[in-house]
Amino acid sequence: MAHACVLVHRSLFQRERSNIPAHGGRLAERESPCAIKERSFMSTLPACPKCSSQYTYEDGSLYVCPECAHEWNPQSTVAADDDDVKVYRDSAGNTLQDGDTVIVIKDLKLKGSNNVVKMGTKVKNIRLVDSDHDIDCKIDGIGPMSLKSEFVKKA
């Protein structure tokens, strides 16, 4: 797509220099090739709902954004941001949020140490992160660590 833009830009520049009429009309003396390109080739397609890029294109019945690779149906009324929200759940299926207090449901051995996080240990003020261990926290007597949400229940 970059080559097509360069070719369009170059051909418009050459037309301006030789005073060849472009698109059925005469070029204005002060109008730049970029302004002509924007005026002549401006897309009527909507901007990407995910990244707000203006460079969208149609692919069959879908619109596609080349910058973030987001595809959407123009007739769809579902918001694009609903798919990106990750829901963190504990072992019982309860939804977890930042700042919650949880209880460890089984003994957890710590790698590289002889310490064990005992079953029933209360962990306050958790922070949810997007990694393989969903919870960052600080446990009294042990220190900062990461836990998987499947080994805790909401208090």
Protein backbone atom coordinates (compact mmCIF):
# COMPACT_ATOMS: atom_id res chain seq x y z
CA MET A 1 0.00 0.00 0.00
CA ALA A 2 2.93 2.33 0.60
CA HIS A 3 4.04 1.94 -3.02
CA ALA A 4 0.62 2.98 -4.31
CA CYS A 5 0.68 6.10 -2.13
CA VAL A 6 4.13 7.03 -3.41
CA LEU A 7 3.05 6.47 -7.00
CA VAL A 8 -0.08 8.58 -6.54
CA HIS A 9 1.94 11.31 -4.85
CA ARG A 10 4.60 11.25 -7.58
CA SER A 11 2.06 11.32 -10.41
CA LEU A 12 0.19 14.24 -8.83
CA PHE A 13 3.46 16.10 -8.37
CA GLN A 14 4.34 15.58 -12.03
CA ARG A 15 0.91 16.81 -13.11
CA GLU A 16 1.30 19.93 -11.02
CA ARG A 17 4.72 20.71 -12.50
CA SER A 18 3.53 20.28 -16.09
CA ASN A 19 0.13 22.00 -15.52
CA ILE A 20 -1.79 18.95 -16.72
CA PRO A 21 -5.41 19.06 -15.52
CA ALA A 22 -6.06 16.52 -12.78
CA HIS A 23 -9.40 14.76 -12.33
CA GLY A 24 -11.21 16.88 -14.89
CA GLY A 25 -10.19 20.24 -13.44
CA ARG A 26 -7.31 22.66 -13.53
CA LEU A 27 -4.85 22.62 -10.63
CA ALA A 28 -4.69 25.64 -8.40
CA GLU A 29 -1.32 27.31 -8.34
CA ARG A 30 -0.82 27.09 -4.57
CA GLU A 31 -2.32 23.63 -4.01
CA SER A 32 0.22 20.99 -2.98
CA PRO A 33 0.20 17.40 -4.29
CA CYS A 34 -0.68 16.10 -0.81
CA ALA A 35 -3.73 18.37 -0.62
CA ILE A 36 -4.84 17.16 -4.05
CA LYS A 37 -4.38 13.55 -2.99
CA GLU A 38 -6.42 14.07 0.19
CA ARG A 39 -9.17 15.90 -1.68
CA SER A 40 -9.33 13.42 -4.55
CA PHE A 41 -8.80 10.12 -2.77
CA MET A 42 -10.30 10.75 0.67
CA SER A 43 -11.88 7.59 2.04
CA THR A 44 -15.49 7.56 3.17
CA LEU A 45 -14.90 4.48 5.32
CA PRO A 46 -15.17 4.86 9.11
CA ALA A 47 -12.09 5.05 11.31
CA CYS A 48 -11.00 1.94 13.22
CA PRO A 49 -12.96 1.66 16.51
CA LYS A 50 -9.96 0.11 18.26
CA CYS A 51 -7.04 2.41 17.33
CA SER A 52 -8.84 5.27 15.49
CA SER A 53 -6.75 4.80 12.36
CA GLN A 54 -8.16 6.40 9.21
CA TYR A 55 -6.54 3.84 6.88
CA THR A 56 -9.31 1.25 6.93
CA TYR A 57 -10.38 -0.80 3.93
CA GLU A 58 -13.18 -3.19 2.98
CA ASP A 59 -12.63 -6.93 2.74
CA GLY A 60 -15.86 -8.53 1.64
CA SER A 61 -18.48 -7.58 4.23
CA LEU A 62 -15.89 -6.60 6.88
CA TYR A 63 -13.85 -3.48 7.49
CA VAL A 64 -10.15 -4.07 8.24
CA CYS A 65 -7.57 -1.84 9.92
CA PRO A 66 -4.04 -2.41 8.53
CA GLU A 67 -2.37 -0.81 11.58
CA CYS A 68 -3.82 -2.96 14.38
CA ALA A 69 -5.31 -5.83 12.27
CA HIS A 70 -8.75 -5.29 13.80
CA GLU A 71 -11.68 -6.59 11.73
CA TRP A 72 -15.28 -5.55 12.34
CA ASN A 73 -18.69 -5.80 10.75
CA PRO A 74 -20.15 -2.37 9.94
CA GLN A 75 -23.68 -3.55 10.81
CA SER A 76 -22.57 -4.87 14.20
CA THR A 77 -23.79 -2.91 17.21
CA VAL A 78 -21.49 -4.66 19.70
CA ALA A 79 -18.81 -2.38 21.16
CA ALA A 80 -15.24 -3.31 20.19
CA ASP A 81 -13.86 -2.89 23.72
CA ASP A 82 -16.08 -5.62 25.22
CA ASP A 83 -13.87 -8.37 23.78
CA ASP A 84 -10.65 -7.05 25.34
CA VAL A 85 -11.72 -7.06 29.00
CA LYS A 86 -10.27 -10.04 30.86
CA VAL A 87 -12.25 -11.32 33.82
CA TYR A 88 -10.22 -12.83 36.66
CA ARG A 89 -11.98 -15.54 38.69
CA ASP A 90 -10.97 -17.40 41.83
CA SER A 91 -11.25 -21.17 42.44
CA ALA A 92 -14.96 -20.85 43.29
CA GLY A 93 -15.77 -18.78 40.19
CA ASN A 94 -16.11 -15.42 41.97
CA THR A 95 -14.90 -12.35 40.08
CA LEU A 96 -11.71 -10.82 41.48
CA GLN A 97 -10.82 -7.11 41.42
CA ASP A 98 -7.80 -5.03 42.39
CA GLY A 99 -7.66 -4.46 46.14
CA ASP A 100 -9.62 -7.60 47.09
CA THR A 101 -8.66 -9.86 49.98
CA VAL A 102 -8.22 -13.55 49.15
CA ILE A 103 -7.44 -16.75 51.06
CA VAL A 104 -5.01 -19.42 49.83
CA ILE A 105 -6.83 -22.77 49.44
CA LYS A 106 -3.84 -25.15 49.47
CA ASP A 107 -0.24 -25.25 50.65
CA LEU A 108 2.04 -23.63 48.07
CA LYS A 109 5.76 -24.46 48.05
CA LEU A 110 7.99 -21.58 47.02
CA LYS A 111 10.64 -22.32 44.42
CA GLY A 112 14.21 -21.72 45.57
CA SER A 113 13.21 -21.55 49.22
CA ASN A 114 12.11 -23.81 52.05
CA ASN A 115 9.14 -21.52 52.80
CA VAL A 116 5.57 -22.64 52.29
CA VAL A 117 2.47 -20.49 51.95
CA LYS A 118 0.05 -22.37 54.21
CA MET A 119 -3.57 -23.11 53.38
CA GLY A 120 -5.81 -20.45 54.91
CA THR A 121 -3.27 -17.62 54.61
CA LYS A 122 -5.11 -14.33 54.08
CA VAL A 123 -3.67 -12.08 51.37
CA LYS A 124 -4.84 -8.45 51.44
CA ASN A 125 -4.84 -5.81 48.73
CA ILE A 126 -4.12 -7.95 45.66
CA ARG A 127 -3.22 -6.49 42.27
CA LEU A 128 -4.38 -8.26 39.09
CA VAL A 129 -1.86 -8.52 36.24
CA ASP A 130 -1.98 -9.98 32.74
CA SER A 131 0.51 -12.87 32.92
CA ASP A 132 0.51 -16.58 33.74
CA HIS A 133 0.34 -15.74 37.48
CA ASP A 134 -2.73 -13.48 37.69
CA ILE A 135 -2.18 -11.97 41.15
CA ASP A 136 0.66 -9.82 42.48
CA CYS A 137 0.61 -9.46 46.24
CA LYS A 138 2.65 -9.13 49.40
CA ILE A 139 2.33 -11.90 51.99
CA ASP A 140 3.26 -11.13 55.59
CA GLY A 141 6.38 -13.04 56.64
CA ILE A 142 7.26 -14.04 53.07
CA GLY A 143 7.28 -10.86 50.96
CA PRO A 144 6.16 -9.95 47.45
CA MET A 145 5.10 -12.77 45.16
CA SER A 146 2.79 -13.78 42.34
CA LEU A 147 -0.06 -16.26 42.69
CA LYS A 148 -2.36 -18.03 40.28
CA SER A 149 -6.02 -17.23 40.75
CA GLU A 150 -6.92 -20.93 40.79
CA PHE A 151 -5.23 -21.35 44.21
CA VAL A 152 -7.18 -18.62 46.03
CA LYS A 153 -10.77 -17.88 47.00
CA LYS A 154 -12.31 -14.50 47.67
CA ALA A 155 -12.59 -13.70 51.38
